[in-house]
Each structure stands twice: as structure tokens, then as C-alpha cells.
Amino acid sequence: MISYQDKFYYFMVDDDGVWLSDDAFTAKITRFESGNDVLEHFLIDGKPLIKMIDKLDECEPI
């Protein structure tokens, strides 16, 4: 789970990759190949997560 400007993003990992999920971890919304893929391709305010790391309010490990 990560949060940025009072918005929360939830991720779950399974055999098919890393998924953007709902807060109950019941919906698989967007699939990423790996954690690195999330860092490079998940966008917040149009910027890759890797460039937003220092601006996140909170981050809990997967």
C-alpha cells in the first residue's frame, strides 16, 4: 500500500505478477510484470512511481 496526497493505492502479488488492487485485495485492476515494472510504469500525476518515491506520504511493503 502506498499513499500520496490522501489517496491510497493497493498492490498484491500472485504467480501472474503484481496487481493494482482495491483496498480489500479482491479486485485485480492493473497487472504489472514485477515490482520493478510497478516502479517504472505505475503513474501518479502522470509521473512514474520511481520518480515519486520521495514524495509519498506512506509506504508499506508488499
PDB file of N, CA and C in Angstrom:
ATOM      1  N   MET A   1       0.845  -1.165   0.000  1.00  0.00           N
ATOM      2  CA  MET A   1       0.000   0.000   0.000  1.00  0.00           C
ATOM      3  C   MET A   1       0.894   1.233   0.000  1.00  0.00           C
ATOM      4  N   ILE A   2       0.522   2.201  -0.799  1.00  0.00           N
ATOM      5  CA  ILE A   2       1.189   3.497  -0.767  1.00  0.00           C
ATOM      6  C   ILE A   2       0.122   4.576  -0.718  1.00  0.00           C
ATOM      7  N   SER A   3       0.489   5.721  -0.187  1.00  0.00           N
ATOM      8  CA  SER A   3      -0.436   6.844  -0.208  1.00  0.00           C
ATOM      9  C   SER A   3       0.295   8.096  -0.671  1.00  0.00           C
ATOM     10  N   TYR A   4      -0.463   8.926  -1.360  1.00  0.00           N
ATOM     11  CA  TYR A   4       0.063  10.180  -1.879  1.00  0.00           C
ATOM     12  C   TYR A   4      -1.076  11.179  -1.894  1.00  0.00           C
ATOM     13  N   GLN A   5      -0.899  12.263  -1.197  1.00  0.00           N
ATOM     14  CA  GLN A   5      -1.903  13.324  -1.106  1.00  0.00           C
ATOM     15  C   GLN A   5      -3.287  12.764  -0.771  1.00  0.00           C
ATOM     16  N   ASP A   6      -3.326  11.969   0.287  1.00  0.00           N
ATOM     17  CA  ASP A   6      -4.570  11.382   0.823  1.00  0.00           C
ATOM     18  C   ASP A   6      -5.254  10.396  -0.117  1.00  0.00           C
ATOM     19  N   LYS A   7      -4.564   9.914  -1.123  1.00  0.00           N
ATOM     20  CA  LYS A   7      -5.104   8.868  -1.983  1.00  0.00           C
ATOM     21  C   LYS A   7      -4.266   7.613  -1.757  1.00  0.00           C
ATOM     22  N   PHE A   8      -4.940   6.475  -1.644  1.00  0.00           N
ATOM     23  CA  PHE A   8      -4.268   5.217  -1.345  1.00  0.00           C
ATOM     24  C   PHE A   8      -4.278   4.307  -2.568  1.00  0.00           C
ATOM     25  N   TYR A   9      -3.172   3.592  -2.737  1.00  0.00           N
ATOM     26  CA  TYR A   9      -3.008   2.638  -3.829  1.00  0.00           C
ATOM     27  C   TYR A   9      -2.590   1.312  -3.213  1.00  0.00           C
ATOM     28  N   TYR A  10      -3.273   0.249  -3.601  1.00  0.00           N
ATOM     29  CA  TYR A  10      -3.026  -1.069  -3.024  1.00  0.00           C
ATOM     30  C   TYR A  10      -2.519  -2.010  -4.114  1.00  0.00           C
ATOM     31  N   PHE A  11      -1.535  -2.811  -3.760  1.00  0.00           N
ATOM     32  CA  PHE A  11      -0.952  -3.770  -4.694  1.00  0.00           C
ATOM     33  C   PHE A  11      -0.930  -5.142  -4.051  1.00  0.00           C
ATOM     34  N   MET A  12      -1.123  -6.166  -4.876  1.00  0.00           N
ATOM     35  CA  MET A  12      -0.995  -7.537  -4.398  1.00  0.00           C
ATOM     36  C   MET A  12      -0.170  -8.323  -5.408  1.00  0.00           C
ATOM     37  N   VAL A  13       0.497  -9.341  -4.896  1.00  0.00           N
ATOM     38  CA  VAL A  13       1.389 -10.166  -5.706  1.00  0.00           C
ATOM     39  C   VAL A  13       0.806 -11.572  -5.800  1.00  0.00           C
ATOM     40  N   ASP A  14       0.829 -12.126  -7.012  1.00  0.00           N
ATOM     41  CA  ASP A  14       0.493 -13.539  -7.177  1.00  0.00           C
ATOM     42  C   ASP A  14       1.409 -14.127  -8.248  1.00  0.00           C
ATOM     43  N   ASP A  15       1.140 -15.332  -8.673  1.00  0.00           N
ATOM     44  CA  ASP A  15       2.006 -16.003  -9.649  1.00  0.00           C
ATOM     45  C   ASP A  15       2.029 -15.299 -11.010  1.00  0.00           C
ATOM     46  N   ASP A  16       1.024 -14.471 -11.295  1.00  0.00           N
ATOM     47  CA  ASP A  16       0.945 -13.782 -12.578  1.00  0.00           C
ATOM     48  C   ASP A  16       1.599 -12.409 -12.567  1.00  0.00           C
ATOM     49  N   GLY A  17       2.060 -11.929 -11.417  1.00  0.00           N
ATOM     50  CA  GLY A  17       2.714 -10.628 -11.352  1.00  0.00           C
ATOM     51  C   GLY A  17       2.262  -9.815 -10.158  1.00  0.00           C
ATOM     52  N   VAL A  18       2.313  -8.514 -10.316  1.00  0.00           N
ATOM     53  CA  VAL A  18       1.890  -7.572  -9.282  1.00  0.00           C
ATOM     54  C   VAL A  18       0.661  -6.844  -9.809  1.00  0.00           C
ATOM     55  N   TRP A  19      -0.351  -6.758  -8.994  1.00  0.00           N
ATOM     56  CA  TRP A  19      -1.619  -6.163  -9.408  1.00  0.00           C
ATOM     57  C   TRP A  19      -1.949  -4.924  -8.587  1.00  0.00           C
ATOM     58  N   LEU A  20      -2.382  -3.873  -9.263  1.00  0.00           N
ATOM     59  CA  LEU A  20      -3.058  -2.773  -8.585  1.00  0.00           C
ATOM     60  C   LEU A  20      -4.392  -3.347  -8.163  1.00  0.00           C
ATOM     61  N   SER A  21      -4.785  -3.112  -6.925  1.00  0.00           N
ATOM     62  CA  SER A  21      -5.957  -3.770  -6.360  1.00  0.00           C
ATOM     63  C   SER A  21      -6.863  -2.774  -5.654  1.00  0.00           C
ATOM     64  N   ASP A  22      -8.018  -3.266  -5.235  1.00  0.00           N
ATOM     65  CA  ASP A  22      -8.870  -2.469  -4.355  1.00  0.00           C
ATOM     66  C   ASP A  22      -8.367  -2.628  -2.922  1.00  0.00           C
ATOM     67  N   ASP A  23      -8.944  -1.878  -2.001  1.00  0.00           N
ATOM     68  CA  ASP A  23      -8.451  -1.899  -0.621  1.00  0.00           C
ATOM     69  C   ASP A  23      -8.738  -3.207   0.113  1.00  0.00           C
ATOM     70  N   ALA A  24      -9.617  -4.029  -0.416  1.00  0.00           N
ATOM     71  CA  ALA A  24      -9.905  -5.331   0.193  1.00  0.00           C
ATOM     72  C   ALA A  24      -9.080  -6.449  -0.458  1.00  0.00           C
ATOM     73  N   PHE A  25      -8.267  -6.101  -1.450  1.00  0.00           N
ATOM     74  CA  PHE A  25      -7.444  -7.050  -2.186  1.00  0.00           C
ATOM     75  C   PHE A  25      -8.283  -8.147  -2.835  1.00  0.00           C
ATOM     76  N   THR A  26      -9.443  -7.747  -3.368  1.00  0.00           N
ATOM     77  CA  THR A  26     -10.316  -8.706  -4.040  1.00  0.00           C
ATOM     78  C   THR A  26     -10.401  -8.460  -5.544  1.00  0.00           C
ATOM     79  N   ALA A  27     -10.016  -7.276  -6.005  1.00  0.00           N
ATOM     80  CA  ALA A  27     -10.092  -6.951  -7.432  1.00  0.00           C
ATOM     81  C   ALA A  27      -8.696  -6.772  -8.004  1.00  0.00           C
ATOM     82  N   LYS A  28      -8.465  -7.390  -9.143  1.00  0.00           N
ATOM     83  CA  LYS A  28      -7.209  -7.213  -9.864  1.00  0.00           C
ATOM     84  C   LYS A  28      -7.467  -6.181 -10.958  1.00  0.00           C
ATOM     85  N   ILE A  29      -6.972  -4.969 -10.755  1.00  0.00           N
ATOM     86  CA  ILE A  29      -7.301  -3.859 -11.645  1.00  0.00           C
ATOM     87  C   ILE A  29      -6.312  -3.730 -12.802  1.00  0.00           C
ATOM     88  N   THR A  30      -5.037  -3.630 -12.482  1.00  0.00           N
ATOM     89  CA  THR A  30      -4.000  -3.484 -13.496  1.00  0.00           C
ATOM     90  C   THR A  30      -2.843  -4.407 -13.149  1.00  0.00           C
ATOM     91  N   ARG A  31      -2.360  -5.151 -14.155  1.00  0.00           N
ATOM     92  CA  ARG A  31      -1.279  -6.113 -13.938  1.00  0.00           C
ATOM     93  C   ARG A  31       0.070  -5.511 -14.327  1.00  0.00           C
ATOM     94  N   PHE A  32       1.076  -5.780 -13.512  1.00  0.00           N
ATOM     95  CA  PHE A  32       2.457  -5.412 -13.792  1.00  0.00           C
ATOM     96  C   PHE A  32       3.289  -6.684 -13.713  1.00  0.00           C
ATOM     97  N   GLU A  33       4.326  -6.782 -14.527  1.00  0.00           N
ATOM     98  CA  GLU A  33       5.185  -7.972 -14.555  1.00  0.00           C
ATOM     99  C   GLU A  33       5.886  -8.223 -13.222  1.00  0.00           C
ATOM    100  N   SER A  34       6.325  -7.145 -12.572  1.00  0.00           N
ATOM    101  CA  SER A  34       7.128  -7.279 -11.353  1.00  0.00           C
ATOM    102  C   SER A  34       7.057  -5.989 -10.550  1.00  0.00           C
ATOM    103  N   GLY A  35       7.684  -5.993  -9.386  1.00  0.00           N
ATOM    104  CA  GLY A  35       7.772  -4.775  -8.589  1.00  0.00           C
ATOM    105  C   GLY A  35       8.518  -3.678  -9.328  1.00  0.00           C
ATOM    106  N   ASN A  36       9.559  -4.059 -10.047  1.00  0.00           N
ATOM    107  CA  ASN A  36      10.287  -3.067 -10.843  1.00  0.00           C
ATOM    108  C   ASN A  36       9.408  -2.467 -11.927  1.00  0.00           C
ATOM    109  N   ASP A  37       8.553  -3.293 -12.516  1.00  0.00           N
ATOM    110  CA  ASP A  37       7.621  -2.808 -13.532  1.00  0.00           C
ATOM    111  C   ASP A  37       6.655  -1.781 -12.932  1.00  0.00           C
ATOM    112  N   VAL A  38       6.216  -2.032 -11.693  1.00  0.00           N
ATOM    113  CA  VAL A  38       5.367  -1.061 -10.987  1.00  0.00           C
ATOM    114  C   VAL A  38       6.113   0.258 -10.834  1.00  0.00           C
ATOM    115  N   LEU A  39       7.350   0.193 -10.374  1.00  0.00           N
ATOM    116  CA  LEU A  39       8.140   1.412 -10.173  1.00  0.00           C
ATOM    117  C   LEU A  39       8.308   2.206 -11.465  1.00  0.00           C
ATOM    118  N   GLU A  40       8.465   1.520 -12.575  1.00  0.00           N
ATOM    119  CA  GLU A  40       8.722   2.185 -13.846  1.00  0.00           C
ATOM    120  C   GLU A  40       7.463   2.617 -14.581  1.00  0.00           C
ATOM    121  N   HIS A  41       6.341   1.888 -14.402  1.00  0.00           N
ATOM    122  CA  HIS A  41       5.166   2.120 -15.243  1.00  0.00           C
ATOM    123  C   HIS A  41       3.887   2.540 -14.524  1.00  0.00           C
ATOM    124  N   PHE A  42       3.843   2.438 -13.197  1.00  0.00           N
ATOM    125  CA  PHE A  42       2.667   2.929 -12.472  1.00  0.00           C
ATOM    126  C   PHE A  42       2.814   4.437 -12.323  1.00  0.00           C
ATOM    127  N   LEU A  43       1.831   5.177 -12.800  1.00  0.00           N
ATOM    128  CA  LEU A  43       1.914   6.637 -12.821  1.00  0.00           C
ATOM    129  C   LEU A  43       1.070   7.273 -11.722  1.00  0.00           C
ATOM    130  N   ILE A  44       1.623   8.271 -11.087  1.00  0.00           N
ATOM    131  CA  ILE A  44       0.898   9.140 -10.164  1.00  0.00           C
ATOM    132  C   ILE A  44       1.098  10.551 -10.683  1.00  0.00           C
ATOM    133  N   ASP A  45       0.011  11.247 -10.925  1.00  0.00           N
ATOM    134  CA  ASP A  45       0.073  12.596 -11.508  1.00  0.00           C
ATOM    135  C   ASP A  45       0.901  12.608 -12.789  1.00  0.00           C
ATOM    136  N   GLY A  46       0.798  11.528 -13.572  1.00  0.00           N
ATOM    137  CA  GLY A  46       1.492  11.452 -14.850  1.00  0.00           C
ATOM    138  C   GLY A  46       2.974  11.151 -14.762  1.00  0.00           C
ATOM    139  N   LYS A  47       3.463  10.842 -13.565  1.00  0.00           N
ATOM    140  CA  LYS A  47       4.889  10.553 -13.375  1.00  0.00           C
ATOM    141  C   LYS A  47       5.066   9.127 -12.879  1.00  0.00           C
ATOM    142  N   PRO A  48       6.105   8.432 -13.355  1.00  0.00           N
ATOM    143  CA  PRO A  48       6.357   7.070 -12.878  1.00  0.00           C
ATOM    144  C   PRO A  48       6.602   7.059 -11.365  1.00  0.00           C
ATOM    145  N   LEU A  49       6.158   6.007 -10.727  1.00  0.00           N
ATOM    146  CA  LEU A  49       6.300   5.873  -9.281  1.00  0.00           C
ATOM    147  C   LEU A  49       7.747   6.052  -8.833  1.00  0.00           C
ATOM    148  N   ILE A  50       8.695   5.583  -9.609  1.00  0.00           N
ATOM    149  CA  ILE A  50      10.110   5.689  -9.243  1.00  0.00           C
ATOM    150  C   ILE A  50      10.516   7.149  -9.035  1.00  0.00           C
ATOM    151  N   LYS A  51       9.883   8.066  -9.750  1.00  0.00           N
ATOM    152  CA  LYS A  51      10.210   9.487  -9.599  1.00  0.00           C
ATOM    153  C   LYS A  51       9.416  10.150  -8.480  1.00  0.00           C
ATOM    154  N   MET A  52       8.446   9.431  -7.938  1.00  0.00           N
ATOM    155  CA  MET A  52       7.577   9.971  -6.894  1.00  0.00           C
ATOM    156  C   MET A  52       7.932   9.437  -5.504  1.00  0.00           C
ATOM    157  N   ILE A  53       8.849   8.498  -5.411  1.00  0.00           N
ATOM    158  CA  ILE A  53       9.148   7.805  -4.153  1.00  0.00           C
ATOM    159  C   ILE A  53       9.353   8.767  -2.991  1.00  0.00           C
ATOM    160  N   ASP A  54      10.126   9.812  -3.180  1.00  0.00           N
ATOM    161  CA  ASP A  54      10.420  10.742  -2.088  1.00  0.00           C
ATOM    162  C   ASP A  54       9.223  11.608  -1.696  1.00  0.00           C
ATOM    163  N   LYS A  55       8.188  11.632  -2.529  1.00  0.00           N
ATOM    164  CA  LYS A  55       7.021  12.465  -2.252  1.00  0.00           C
ATOM    165  C   LYS A  55       5.856  11.687  -1.652  1.00  0.00           C
ATOM    166  N   LEU A  56       5.992  10.367  -1.536  1.00  0.00           N
ATOM    167  CA  LEU A  56       4.914   9.544  -0.991  1.00  0.00           C
ATOM    168  C   LEU A  56       4.717   9.854   0.488  1.00  0.00           C
ATOM    169  N   ASP A  57       3.469   9.834   0.915  1.00  0.00           N
ATOM    170  CA  ASP A  57       3.158  10.076   2.324  1.00  0.00           C
ATOM    171  C   ASP A  57       3.450   8.840   3.165  1.00  0.00           C
ATOM    172  N   GLU A  58       3.180   7.672   2.594  1.00  0.00           N
ATOM    173  CA  GLU A  58       3.311   6.432   3.350  1.00  0.00           C
ATOM    174  C   GLU A  58       3.558   5.288   2.376  1.00  0.00           C
ATOM    175  N   CYS A  59       4.289   4.299   2.826  1.00  0.00           N
ATOM    176  CA  CYS A  59       4.554   3.131   2.006  1.00  0.00           C
ATOM    177  C   CYS A  59       4.704   1.934   2.915  1.00  0.00           C
ATOM    178  N   GLU A  60       3.934   0.888   2.651  1.00  0.00           N
ATOM    179  CA  GLU A  60       4.062  -0.362   3.412  1.00  0.00           C
ATOM    180  C   GLU A  60       4.516  -1.429   2.437  1.00  0.00           C
ATOM    181  N   PRO A  61       5.476  -2.245   2.834  1.00  0.00           N
ATOM    182  CA  PRO A  61       5.979  -3.281   1.912  1.00  0.00           C
ATOM    183  C   PRO A  61       4.904  -4.284   1.543  1.00  0.00           C
ATOM    184  N   ILE A  62       5.056  -4.824   0.368  1.00  0.00           N
ATOM    185  CA  ILE A  62       4.133  -5.842  -0.137  1.00  0.00           C
ATOM    186  C   ILE A  62       4.385  -7.134   0.604  1.00  0.00           C
TER     187      ILE A  62
END
